[in-house]
Amino acid sequence: MRLLVRWLLMALVVLTAGYVLPGLRVADFTTAIVAAAVLGIVNAVIRPILMFLAIPLRILTLGLFSFVINALLLLLVSAVVPGFEVHGFWAALLASIVLAIAGSFINGSTGP
């Protein structure tokens, strides 16, 4: 049940971010739900692999390269999900920071 609540809250955050952030466009709530699901799958499967491979860069940049990885994964999701568009790297970077902050609040409020 918590997974469903987290998923719907993250979809709401994605939809809100699409209205607020420049360079991010979300067509409707259904698209936001699909984008949140694909983003969750990408973060669970691909992100750990990229984080492991980028350990030297993350050490060199004191962890800031993690933001770049998150932005690239958001661009990947925008390429896969129709109706979810991210226009450029800087928009993806800003959106990934906002989504990461909102996701941490959602995970903290719904419990383990």
PDB file of N, CA and C in Angstrom:
ATOM      1  N   MET A   1       0.817  -1.194   0.000  1.00  0.00           N
ATOM      2  CA  MET A   1       0.000   0.000   0.000  1.00  0.00           C
ATOM      3  C   MET A   1       0.860   1.257   0.000  1.00  0.00           C
ATOM      4  N   ARG A   2       1.975   1.212   0.778  1.00  0.00           N
ATOM      5  CA  ARG A   2       2.863   2.384   0.825  1.00  0.00           C
ATOM      6  C   ARG A   2       3.477   2.670  -0.530  1.00  0.00           C
ATOM      7  N   LEU A   3       3.777   1.600  -1.270  1.00  0.00           N
ATOM      8  CA  LEU A   3       4.360   1.782  -2.594  1.00  0.00           C
ATOM      9  C   LEU A   3       3.389   2.526  -3.516  1.00  0.00           C
ATOM     10  N   LEU A   4       2.123   2.182  -3.449  1.00  0.00           N
ATOM     11  CA  LEU A   4       1.115   2.842  -4.262  1.00  0.00           C
ATOM     12  C   LEU A   4       0.975   4.311  -3.872  1.00  0.00           C
ATOM     13  N   VAL A   5       0.989   4.590  -2.575  1.00  0.00           N
ATOM     14  CA  VAL A   5       0.901   5.977  -2.102  1.00  0.00           C
ATOM     15  C   VAL A   5       2.116   6.775  -2.552  1.00  0.00           C
ATOM     16  N   ARG A   6       3.305   6.193  -2.423  1.00  0.00           N
ATOM     17  CA  ARG A   6       4.524   6.882  -2.866  1.00  0.00           C
ATOM     18  C   ARG A   6       4.486   7.142  -4.370  1.00  0.00           C
ATOM     19  N   TRP A   7       4.025   6.161  -5.116  1.00  0.00           N
ATOM     20  CA  TRP A   7       3.955   6.296  -6.562  1.00  0.00           C
ATOM     21  C   TRP A   7       3.002   7.416  -6.964  1.00  0.00           C
ATOM     22  N   LEU A   8       1.824   7.456  -6.359  1.00  0.00           N
ATOM     23  CA  LEU A   8       0.854   8.502  -6.693  1.00  0.00           C
ATOM     24  C   LEU A   8       1.337   9.881  -6.246  1.00  0.00           C
ATOM     25  N   LEU A   9       1.985   9.959  -5.078  1.00  0.00           N
ATOM     26  CA  LEU A   9       2.522  11.243  -4.630  1.00  0.00           C
ATOM     27  C   LEU A   9       3.647  11.708  -5.552  1.00  0.00           C
ATOM     28  N   MET A  10       4.492  10.795  -5.985  1.00  0.00           N
ATOM     29  CA  MET A  10       5.562  11.172  -6.899  1.00  0.00           C
ATOM     30  C   MET A  10       4.991  11.595  -8.246  1.00  0.00           C
ATOM     31  N   ALA A  11       3.924  10.957  -8.692  1.00  0.00           N
ATOM     32  CA  ALA A  11       3.266  11.370  -9.929  1.00  0.00           C
ATOM     33  C   ALA A  11       2.708  12.782  -9.790  1.00  0.00           C
ATOM     34  N   LEU A  12       2.158  13.093  -8.639  1.00  0.00           N
ATOM     35  CA  LEU A  12       1.653  14.439  -8.385  1.00  0.00           C
ATOM     36  C   LEU A  12       2.793  15.456  -8.388  1.00  0.00           C
ATOM     37  N   VAL A  13       3.930  15.088  -7.830  1.00  0.00           N
ATOM     38  CA  VAL A  13       5.104  15.971  -7.840  1.00  0.00           C
ATOM     39  C   VAL A  13       5.604  16.176  -9.272  1.00  0.00           C
ATOM     40  N   VAL A  14       5.634  15.110 -10.065  1.00  0.00           N
ATOM     41  CA  VAL A  14       6.072  15.224 -11.466  1.00  0.00           C
ATOM     42  C   VAL A  14       5.129  16.145 -12.230  1.00  0.00           C
ATOM     43  N   LEU A  15       3.830  16.002 -12.010  1.00  0.00           N
ATOM     44  CA  LEU A  15       2.856  16.850 -12.684  1.00  0.00           C
ATOM     45  C   LEU A  15       3.020  18.306 -12.257  1.00  0.00           C
ATOM     46  N   THR A  16       3.194  18.537 -10.976  1.00  0.00           N
ATOM     47  CA  THR A  16       3.380  19.902 -10.470  1.00  0.00           C
ATOM     48  C   THR A  16       4.677  20.504 -11.009  1.00  0.00           C
ATOM     49  N   ALA A  17       5.739  19.718 -11.030  1.00  0.00           N
ATOM     50  CA  ALA A  17       7.012  20.205 -11.554  1.00  0.00           C
ATOM     51  C   ALA A  17       6.884  20.561 -13.031  1.00  0.00           C
ATOM     52  N   GLY A  18       6.060  19.830 -13.752  1.00  0.00           N
ATOM     53  CA  GLY A  18       5.835  20.130 -15.161  1.00  0.00           C
ATOM     54  C   GLY A  18       5.182  21.481 -15.367  1.00  0.00           C
ATOM     55  N   TYR A  19       4.348  21.897 -14.423  1.00  0.00           N
ATOM     56  CA  TYR A  19       3.708  23.207 -14.521  1.00  0.00           C
ATOM     57  C   TYR A  19       4.614  24.331 -14.029  1.00  0.00           C
ATOM     58  N   VAL A  20       5.478  24.041 -13.072  1.00  0.00           N
ATOM     59  CA  VAL A  20       6.267  25.084 -12.420  1.00  0.00           C
ATOM     60  C   VAL A  20       7.617  25.307 -13.090  1.00  0.00           C
ATOM     61  N   LEU A  21       8.311  24.237 -13.425  1.00  0.00           N
ATOM     62  CA  LEU A  21       9.677  24.362 -13.918  1.00  0.00           C
ATOM     63  C   LEU A  21       9.711  24.640 -15.416  1.00  0.00           C
ATOM     64  N   PRO A  22      10.569  25.576 -15.816  1.00  0.00           N
ATOM     65  CA  PRO A  22      10.724  25.799 -17.258  1.00  0.00           C
ATOM     66  C   PRO A  22      11.529  24.652 -17.880  1.00  0.00           C
ATOM     67  N   GLY A  23      11.126  24.257 -19.060  1.00  0.00           N
ATOM     68  CA  GLY A  23      11.838  23.188 -19.749  1.00  0.00           C
ATOM     69  C   GLY A  23      11.333  21.794 -19.449  1.00  0.00           C
ATOM     70  N   LEU A  24      10.336  21.678 -18.588  1.00  0.00           N
ATOM     71  CA  LEU A  24       9.750  20.376 -18.260  1.00  0.00           C
ATOM     72  C   LEU A  24       8.266  20.443 -18.600  1.00  0.00           C
ATOM     73  N   ARG A  25       7.795  19.493 -19.412  1.00  0.00           N
ATOM     74  CA  ARG A  25       6.397  19.484 -19.813  1.00  0.00           C
ATOM     75  C   ARG A  25       5.815  18.099 -19.589  1.00  0.00           C
ATOM     76  N   VAL A  26       4.683  18.075 -18.907  1.00  0.00           N
ATOM     77  CA  VAL A  26       3.957  16.835 -18.657  1.00  0.00           C
ATOM     78  C   VAL A  26       2.563  17.017 -19.240  1.00  0.00           C
ATOM     79  N   ALA A  27       2.158  16.104 -20.104  1.00  0.00           N
ATOM     80  CA  ALA A  27       0.898  16.256 -20.824  1.00  0.00           C
ATOM     81  C   ALA A  27      -0.313  16.183 -19.894  1.00  0.00           C
ATOM     82  N   ASP A  28      -0.398  15.159 -19.057  1.00  0.00           N
ATOM     83  CA  ASP A  28      -1.550  15.003 -18.160  1.00  0.00           C
ATOM     84  C   ASP A  28      -1.150  14.117 -16.986  1.00  0.00           C
ATOM     85  N   PHE A  29      -2.122  13.816 -16.126  1.00  0.00           N
ATOM     86  CA  PHE A  29      -1.827  13.033 -14.931  1.00  0.00           C
ATOM     87  C   PHE A  29      -1.466  11.595 -15.268  1.00  0.00           C
ATOM     88  N   THR A  30      -2.065  11.043 -16.314  1.00  0.00           N
ATOM     89  CA  THR A  30      -1.719   9.685 -16.728  1.00  0.00           C
ATOM     90  C   THR A  30      -0.258   9.614 -17.156  1.00  0.00           C
ATOM     91  N   THR A  31       0.182  10.613 -17.883  1.00  0.00           N
ATOM     92  CA  THR A  31       1.586  10.677 -18.283  1.00  0.00           C
ATOM     93  C   THR A  31       2.488  10.805 -17.067  1.00  0.00           C
ATOM     94  N   ALA A  32       2.052  11.586 -16.078  1.00  0.00           N
ATOM     95  CA  ALA A  32       2.832  11.737 -14.851  1.00  0.00           C
ATOM     96  C   ALA A  32       2.937  10.417 -14.096  1.00  0.00           C
ATOM     97  N   ILE A  33       1.858   9.642 -14.083  1.00  0.00           N
ATOM     98  CA  ILE A  33       1.888   8.331 -13.421  1.00  0.00           C
ATOM     99  C   ILE A  33       2.863   7.396 -14.123  1.00  0.00           C
ATOM    100  N   VAL A  34       2.816   7.373 -15.451  1.00  0.00           N
ATOM    101  CA  VAL A  34       3.727   6.517 -16.216  1.00  0.00           C
ATOM    102  C   VAL A  34       5.169   6.989 -16.033  1.00  0.00           C
ATOM    103  N   ALA A  35       5.388   8.307 -16.062  1.00  0.00           N
ATOM    104  CA  ALA A  35       6.738   8.843 -15.895  1.00  0.00           C
ATOM    105  C   ALA A  35       7.282   8.524 -14.505  1.00  0.00           C
ATOM    106  N   ALA A  36       6.443   8.615 -13.486  1.00  0.00           N
ATOM    107  CA  ALA A  36       6.885   8.286 -12.127  1.00  0.00           C
ATOM    108  C   ALA A  36       7.234   6.805 -12.017  1.00  0.00           C
ATOM    109  N   ALA A  37       6.456   5.944 -12.670  1.00  0.00           N
ATOM    110  CA  ALA A  37       6.751   4.506 -12.641  1.00  0.00           C
ATOM    111  C   ALA A  37       8.049   4.192 -13.365  1.00  0.00           C
ATOM    112  N   VAL A  38       8.228   4.765 -14.548  1.00  0.00           N
ATOM    113  CA  VAL A  38       9.450   4.515 -15.307  1.00  0.00           C
ATOM    114  C   VAL A  38      10.651   5.106 -14.582  1.00  0.00           C
ATOM    115  N   LEU A  39      10.487   6.278 -13.992  1.00  0.00           N
ATOM    116  CA  LEU A  39      11.572   6.885 -13.218  1.00  0.00           C
ATOM    117  C   LEU A  39      11.948   6.016 -12.025  1.00  0.00           C
ATOM    118  N   GLY A  40      10.965   5.428 -11.374  1.00  0.00           N
ATOM    119  CA  GLY A  40      11.247   4.516 -10.268  1.00  0.00           C
ATOM    120  C   GLY A  40      11.992   3.274 -10.715  1.00  0.00           C
ATOM    121  N   ILE A  41      11.602   2.714 -11.853  1.00  0.00           N
ATOM    122  CA  ILE A  41      12.281   1.531 -12.381  1.00  0.00           C
ATOM    123  C   ILE A  41      13.703   1.869 -12.794  1.00  0.00           C
ATOM    124  N   VAL A  42      13.871   2.993 -13.471  1.00  0.00           N
ATOM    125  CA  VAL A  42      15.208   3.418 -13.898  1.00  0.00           C
ATOM    126  C   VAL A  42      16.101   3.675 -12.690  1.00  0.00           C
ATOM    127  N   ASN A  43      15.550   4.315 -11.666  1.00  0.00           N
ATOM    128  CA  ASN A  43      16.335   4.580 -10.455  1.00  0.00           C
ATOM    129  C   ASN A  43      16.680   3.306  -9.698  1.00  0.00           C
ATOM    130  N   ALA A  44      15.843   2.293  -9.823  1.00  0.00           N
ATOM    131  CA  ALA A  44      16.119   1.038  -9.125  1.00  0.00           C
ATOM    132  C   ALA A  44      17.080   0.132  -9.889  1.00  0.00           C
ATOM    133  N   VAL A  45      17.087   0.219 -11.209  1.00  0.00           N
ATOM    134  CA  VAL A  45      17.881  -0.718 -12.009  1.00  0.00           C
ATOM    135  C   VAL A  45      19.153  -0.072 -12.565  1.00  0.00           C
ATOM    136  N   ILE A  46      19.004   1.031 -13.270  1.00  0.00           N
ATOM    137  CA  ILE A  46      20.142   1.618 -13.985  1.00  0.00           C
ATOM    138  C   ILE A  46      20.991   2.525 -13.090  1.00  0.00           C
ATOM    139  N   ARG A  47      20.361   3.276 -12.204  1.00  0.00           N
ATOM    140  CA  ARG A  47      21.091   4.235 -11.375  1.00  0.00           C
ATOM    141  C   ARG A  47      22.190   3.591 -10.526  1.00  0.00           C
ATOM    142  N   PRO A  48      21.953   2.457  -9.849  1.00  0.00           N
ATOM    143  CA  PRO A  48      23.055   1.868  -9.075  1.00  0.00           C
ATOM    144  C   PRO A  48      24.251   1.460  -9.930  1.00  0.00           C
ATOM    145  N   ILE A  49      23.992   1.003 -11.136  1.00  0.00           N
ATOM    146  CA  ILE A  49      25.085   0.618 -12.028  1.00  0.00           C
ATOM    147  C   ILE A  49      25.900   1.850 -12.414  1.00  0.00           C
ATOM    148  N   LEU A  50      25.214   2.927 -12.786  1.00  0.00           N
ATOM    149  CA  LEU A  50      25.919   4.150 -13.156  1.00  0.00           C
ATOM    150  C   LEU A  50      26.663   4.764 -11.967  1.00  0.00           C
ATOM    151  N   MET A  51      26.059   4.692 -10.792  1.00  0.00           N
ATOM    152  CA  MET A  51      26.732   5.224  -9.603  1.00  0.00           C
ATOM    153  C   MET A  51      28.011   4.442  -9.307  1.00  0.00           C
ATOM    154  N   PHE A  52      27.969   3.145  -9.499  1.00  0.00           N
ATOM    155  CA  PHE A  52      29.160   2.332  -9.274  1.00  0.00           C
ATOM    156  C   PHE A  52      30.246   2.643 -10.302  1.00  0.00           C
ATOM    157  N   LEU A  53      29.841   2.745 -11.564  1.00  0.00           N
ATOM    158  CA  LEU A  53      30.817   3.012 -12.614  1.00  0.00           C
ATOM    159  C   LEU A  53      31.418   4.413 -12.508  1.00  0.00           C
ATOM    160  N   ALA A  54      30.684   5.335 -11.909  1.00  0.00           N
ATOM    161  CA  ALA A  54      31.142   6.723 -11.820  1.00  0.00           C
ATOM    162  C   ALA A  54      31.791   7.042 -10.480  1.00  0.00           C
ATOM    163  N   ILE A  55      32.186   6.042  -9.723  1.00  0.00           N
ATOM    164  CA  ILE A  55      32.810   6.300  -8.416  1.00  0.00           C
ATOM    165  C   ILE A  55      34.019   7.227  -8.530  1.00  0.00           C
ATOM    166  N   PRO A  56      34.912   7.037  -9.498  1.00  0.00           N
ATOM    167  CA  PRO A  56      36.041   7.973  -9.571  1.00  0.00           C
ATOM    168  C   PRO A  56      35.614   9.425  -9.817  1.00  0.00           C
ATOM    169  N   LEU A  57      34.630   9.620 -10.693  1.00  0.00           N
ATOM    170  CA  LEU A  57      34.145  10.978 -10.948  1.00  0.00           C
ATOM    171  C   LEU A  57      33.414  11.552  -9.740  1.00  0.00           C
ATOM    172  N   ARG A  58      32.685  10.715  -9.043  1.00  0.00           N
ATOM    173  CA  ARG A  58      31.985  11.185  -7.849  1.00  0.00           C
ATOM    174  C   ARG A  58      32.967  11.574  -6.758  1.00  0.00           C
ATOM    175  N   ILE A  59      34.062  10.834  -6.628  1.00  0.00           N
ATOM    176  CA  ILE A  59      35.090  11.191  -5.643  1.00  0.00           C
ATOM    177  C   ILE A  59      35.776  12.491  -6.057  1.00  0.00           C
ATOM    178  N   LEU A  60      36.090  12.604  -7.338  1.00  0.00           N
ATOM    179  CA  LEU A  60      36.769  13.791  -7.840  1.00  0.00           C
ATOM    180  C   LEU A  60      35.926  15.055  -7.681  1.00  0.00           C
ATOM    181  N   THR A  61      34.618  14.921  -7.860  1.00  0.00           N
ATOM    182  CA  THR A  61      33.731  16.084  -7.765  1.00  0.00           C
ATOM    183  C   THR A  61      33.041  16.186  -6.404  1.00  0.00           C
ATOM    184  N   LEU A  62      33.490  15.392  -5.456  1.00  0.00           N
ATOM    185  CA  LEU A  62      32.913  15.378  -4.103  1.00  0.00           C
ATOM    186  C   LEU A  62      31.413  15.083  -4.110  1.00  0.00           C
ATOM    187  N   GLY A  63      31.008  14.199  -4.989  1.00  0.00           N
ATOM    188  CA  GLY A  63      29.627  13.740  -5.030  1.00  0.00           C
ATOM    189  C   GLY A  63      28.708  14.519  -5.944  1.00  0.00           C
ATOM    190  N   LEU A  64      29.166  15.628  -6.496  1.00  0.00           N
ATOM    191  CA  LEU A  64      28.294  16.444  -7.337  1.00  0.00           C
ATOM    192  C   LEU A  64      27.967  15.777  -8.671  1.00  0.00           C
ATOM    193  N   PHE A  65      28.778  14.818  -9.096  1.00  0.00           N
ATOM    194  CA  PHE A  65      28.490  14.117 -10.341  1.00  0.00           C
ATOM    195  C   PHE A  65      27.206  13.289 -10.228  1.00  0.00           C
ATOM    196  N   SER A  66      26.769  13.014  -9.022  1.00  0.00           N
ATOM    197  CA  SER A  66      25.503  12.295  -8.827  1.00  0.00           C
ATOM    198  C   SER A  66      24.334  13.077  -9.409  1.00  0.00           C
ATOM    199  N   PHE A  67      24.401  14.410  -9.317  1.00  0.00           N
ATOM    200  CA  PHE A  67      23.350  15.240  -9.914  1.00  0.00           C
ATOM    201  C   PHE A  67      23.333  15.095 -11.433  1.00  0.00           C
ATOM    202  N   VAL A  68      24.493  14.975 -12.037  1.00  0.00           N
ATOM    203  CA  VAL A  68      24.588  14.783 -13.480  1.00  0.00           C
ATOM    204  C   VAL A  68      23.982  13.439 -13.874  1.00  0.00           C
ATOM    205  N   ILE A  69      24.257  12.415 -13.100  1.00  0.00           N
ATOM    206  CA  ILE A  69      23.682  11.094 -13.374  1.00  0.00           C
ATOM    207  C   ILE A  69      22.161  11.151 -13.272  1.00  0.00           C
ATOM    208  N   ASN A  70      21.652  11.815 -12.247  1.00  0.00           N
ATOM    209  CA  ASN A  70      20.195  11.944 -12.102  1.00  0.00           C
ATOM    210  C   ASN A  70      19.588  12.694 -13.279  1.00  0.00           C
ATOM    211  N   ALA A  71      20.254  13.749 -13.747  1.00  0.00           N
ATOM    212  CA  ALA A  71      19.744  14.508 -14.890  1.00  0.00           C
ATOM    213  C   ALA A  71      19.742  13.651 -16.155  1.00  0.00           C
ATOM    214  N   LEU A  72      20.792  12.869 -16.357  1.00  0.00           N
ATOM    215  CA  LEU A  72      20.846  12.001 -17.535  1.00  0.00           C
ATOM    216  C   LEU A  72      19.762  10.928 -17.490  1.00  0.00           C
ATOM    217  N   LEU A  73      19.486  10.410 -16.305  1.00  0.00           N
ATOM    218  CA  LEU A  73      18.416   9.418 -16.184  1.00  0.00           C
ATOM    219  C   LEU A  73      17.048  10.053 -16.440  1.00  0.00           C
ATOM    220  N   LEU A  74      16.874  11.294 -16.033  1.00  0.00           N
ATOM    221  CA  LEU A  74      15.616  11.992 -16.311  1.00  0.00           C
ATOM    222  C   LEU A  74      15.466  12.229 -17.815  1.00  0.00           C
ATOM    223  N   LEU A  75      16.557  12.539 -18.496  1.00  0.00           N
ATOM    224  CA  LEU A  75      16.513  12.672 -19.952  1.00  0.00           C
ATOM    225  C   LEU A  75      16.181  11.334 -20.617  1.00  0.00           C
ATOM    226  N   LEU A  76      16.690  10.248 -20.050  1.00  0.00           N
ATOM    227  CA  LEU A  76      16.367   8.918 -20.559  1.00  0.00           C
ATOM    228  C   LEU A  76      14.872   8.632 -20.418  1.00  0.00           C
ATOM    229  N   VAL A  77      14.314   8.965 -19.271  1.00  0.00           N
ATOM    230  CA  VAL A  77      12.877   8.756 -19.052  1.00  0.00           C
ATOM    231  C   VAL A  77      12.066   9.602 -20.025  1.00  0.00           C
ATOM    232  N   SER A  78      12.517  10.833 -20.281  1.00  0.00           N
ATOM    233  CA  SER A  78      11.777  11.677 -21.222  1.00  0.00           C
ATOM    234  C   SER A  78      11.842  11.136 -22.648  1.00  0.00           C
ATOM    235  N   ALA A  79      12.898  10.396 -22.965  1.00  0.00           N
ATOM    236  CA  ALA A  79      12.986   9.791 -24.293  1.00  0.00           C
ATOM    237  C   ALA A  79      12.077   8.574 -24.421  1.00  0.00           C
ATOM    238  N   VAL A  80      11.759   7.943 -23.296  1.00  0.00           N
ATOM    239  CA  VAL A  80      10.959   6.716 -23.322  1.00  0.00           C
ATOM    240  C   VAL A  80       9.465   6.994 -23.182  1.00  0.00           C
ATOM    241  N   VAL A  81       9.110   7.963 -22.353  1.00  0.00           N
ATOM    242  CA  VAL A  81       7.698   8.211 -22.038  1.00  0.00           C
ATOM    243  C   VAL A  81       7.153   9.313 -22.954  1.00  0.00           C
ATOM    244  N   PRO A  82       6.177   8.995 -23.789  1.00  0.00           N
ATOM    245  CA  PRO A  82       5.582  10.051 -24.627  1.00  0.00           C
ATOM    246  C   PRO A  82       4.723  10.989 -23.779  1.00  0.00           C
ATOM    247  N   GLY A  83       4.835  12.277 -24.055  1.00  0.00           N
ATOM    248  CA  GLY A  83       4.090  13.274 -23.294  1.00  0.00           C
ATOM    249  C   GLY A  83       4.862  13.848 -22.129  1.00  0.00           C
ATOM    250  N   PHE A  84       6.007  13.254 -21.810  1.00  0.00           N
ATOM    251  CA  PHE A  84       6.896  13.748 -20.753  1.00  0.00           C
ATOM    252  C   PHE A  84       8.147  14.262 -21.444  1.00  0.00           C
ATOM    253  N   GLU A  85       8.306  15.581 -21.465  1.00  0.00           N
ATOM    254  CA  GLU A  85       9.395  16.177 -22.228  1.00  0.00           C
ATOM    255  C   GLU A  85      10.288  17.011 -21.325  1.00  0.00           C
ATOM    256  N   VAL A  86      11.582  16.817 -21.492  1.00  0.00           N
ATOM    257  CA  VAL A  86      12.577  17.633 -20.815  1.00  0.00           C
ATOM    258  C   VAL A  86      13.404  18.285 -21.906  1.00  0.00           C
ATOM    259  N   HIS A  87      13.430  19.607 -21.908  1.00  0.00           N
ATOM    260  CA  HIS A  87      14.109  20.353 -22.962  1.00  0.00           C
ATOM    261  C   HIS A  87      15.478  20.813 -22.487  1.00  0.00           C
ATOM    262  N   GLY A  88      16.484  19.983 -22.695  1.00  0.00           N
ATOM    263  CA  GLY A  88      17.850  20.362 -22.398  1.00  0.00           C
ATOM    264  C   GLY A  88      18.382  19.803 -21.092  1.00  0.00           C
ATOM    265  N   PHE A  89      19.708  19.828 -21.008  1.00  0.00           N
ATOM    266  CA  PHE A  89      20.375  19.271 -19.839  1.00  0.00           C
ATOM    267  C   PHE A  89      20.111  20.089 -18.581  1.00  0.00           C
ATOM    268  N   TRP A  90      20.150  21.419 -18.689  1.00  0.00           N
ATOM    269  CA  TRP A  90      19.986  22.255 -17.495  1.00  0.00           C
ATOM    270  C   TRP A  90      18.578  22.139 -16.920  1.00  0.00           C
ATOM    271  N   ALA A  91      17.593  22.005 -17.780  1.00  0.00           N
ATOM    272  CA  ALA A  91      16.228  21.768 -17.293  1.00  0.00           C
ATOM    273  C   ALA A  91      16.140  20.412 -16.602  1.00  0.00           C
ATOM    274  N   ALA A  92      16.839  19.423 -17.152  1.00  0.00           N
ATOM    275  CA  ALA A  92      16.856  18.096 -16.528  1.00  0.00           C
ATOM    276  C   ALA A  92      17.564  18.142 -15.188  1.00  0.00           C
ATOM    277  N   LEU A  93      18.641  18.914 -15.100  1.00  0.00           N
ATOM    278  CA  LEU A  93      19.370  19.039 -13.835  1.00  0.00           C
ATOM    279  C   LEU A  93      18.498  19.685 -12.768  1.00  0.00           C
ATOM    280  N   LEU A  94      17.837  20.784 -13.120  1.00  0.00           N
ATOM    281  CA  LEU A  94      16.958  21.461 -12.162  1.00  0.00           C
ATOM    282  C   LEU A  94      15.789  20.561 -11.757  1.00  0.00           C
ATOM    283  N   ALA A  95      15.186  19.898 -12.732  1.00  0.00           N
ATOM    284  CA  ALA A  95      14.056  19.009 -12.437  1.00  0.00           C
ATOM    285  C   ALA A  95      14.488  17.831 -11.587  1.00  0.00           C
ATOM    286  N   SER A  96      15.667  17.284 -11.835  1.00  0.00           N
ATOM    287  CA  SER A  96      16.121  16.146 -11.036  1.00  0.00           C
ATOM    288  C   SER A  96      16.400  16.549  -9.599  1.00  0.00           C
ATOM    289  N   ILE A  97      16.904  17.766  -9.391  1.00  0.00           N
ATOM    290  CA  ILE A  97      17.114  18.242  -8.018  1.00  0.00           C
ATOM    291  C   ILE A  97      15.780  18.404  -7.304  1.00  0.00           C
ATOM    292  N   VAL A  98      14.807  19.012  -7.984  1.00  0.00           N
ATOM    293  CA  VAL A  98      13.482  19.209  -7.375  1.00  0.00           C
ATOM    294  C   VAL A  98      12.821  17.864  -7.086  1.00  0.00           C
ATOM    295  N   LEU A  99      12.896  16.928  -8.031  1.00  0.00           N
ATOM    296  CA  LEU A  99      12.281  15.621  -7.826  1.00  0.00           C
ATOM    297  C   LEU A  99      12.984  14.829  -6.724  1.00  0.00           C
ATOM    298  N   ALA A 100      14.293  14.984  -6.604  1.00  0.00           N
ATOM    299  CA  ALA A 100      15.023  14.285  -5.534  1.00  0.00           C
ATOM    300  C   ALA A 100      14.633  14.825  -4.167  1.00  0.00           C
ATOM    301  N   ILE A 101      14.504  16.135  -4.045  1.00  0.00           N
ATOM    302  CA  ILE A 101      14.101  16.730  -2.765  1.00  0.00           C
ATOM    303  C   ILE A 101      12.683  16.300  -2.418  1.00  0.00           C
ATOM    304  N   ALA A 102      11.787  16.384  -3.388  1.00  0.00           N
ATOM    305  CA  ALA A 102      10.402  15.980  -3.129  1.00  0.00           C
ATOM    306  C   ALA A 102      10.309  14.489  -2.823  1.00  0.00           C
ATOM    307  N   GLY A 103      11.102  13.677  -3.514  1.00  0.00           N
ATOM    308  CA  GLY A 103      11.104  12.241  -3.251  1.00  0.00           C
ATOM    309  C   GLY A 103      11.601  11.898  -1.866  1.00  0.00           C
ATOM    310  N   SER A 104      12.587  12.646  -1.390  1.00  0.00           N
ATOM    311  CA  SER A 104      13.062  12.382  -0.026  1.00  0.00           C
ATOM    312  C   SER A 104      12.012  12.763   1.003  1.00  0.00           C
ATOM    313  N   PHE A 105      11.261  13.838   0.750  1.00  0.00           N
ATOM    314  CA  PHE A 105      10.164  14.182   1.654  1.00  0.00           C
ATOM    315  C   PHE A 105       9.062  13.126   1.628  1.00  0.00           C
ATOM    316  N   ILE A 106       8.757  12.626   0.447  1.00  0.00           N
ATOM    317  CA  ILE A 106       7.727  11.601   0.325  1.00  0.00           C
ATOM    318  C   ILE A 106       8.160  10.322   1.043  1.00  0.00           C
ATOM    319  N   ASN A 107       9.398   9.900   0.826  1.00  0.00           N
ATOM    320  CA  ASN A 107       9.883   8.682   1.489  1.00  0.00           C
ATOM    321  C   ASN A 107       9.958   8.867   2.993  1.00  0.00           C
ATOM    322  N   GLY A 108      10.310  10.059   3.448  1.00  0.00           N
ATOM    323  CA  GLY A 108      10.367  10.306   4.877  1.00  0.00           C
ATOM    324  C   GLY A 108       9.000  10.365   5.529  1.00  0.00           C
ATOM    325  N   SER A 109       8.018  10.848   4.804  1.00  0.00           N
ATOM    326  CA  SER A 109       6.687  10.984   5.393  1.00  0.00           C
ATOM    327  C   SER A 109       5.867   9.686   5.336  1.00  0.00           C
ATOM    328  N   THR A 110       6.164   8.798   4.372  1.00  0.00           N
ATOM    329  CA  THR A 110       5.395   7.562   4.292  1.00  0.00           C
ATOM    330  C   THR A 110       6.013   6.427   5.078  1.00  0.00           C
ATOM    331  N   GLY A 111       7.211   6.621   5.586  1.00  0.00           N
ATOM    332  CA  GLY A 111       7.833   5.597   6.428  1.00  0.00           C
ATOM    333  C   GLY A 111       8.608   4.591   5.626  1.00  0.00           C
ATOM    334  N   PRO A 112       9.261   3.666   6.313  1.00  0.00           N
ATOM    335  CA  PRO A 112      10.107   2.663   5.644  1.00  0.00           C
ATOM    336  C   PRO A 112       9.288   1.599   4.925  1.00  0.00           C
TER     337      PRO A 112
END
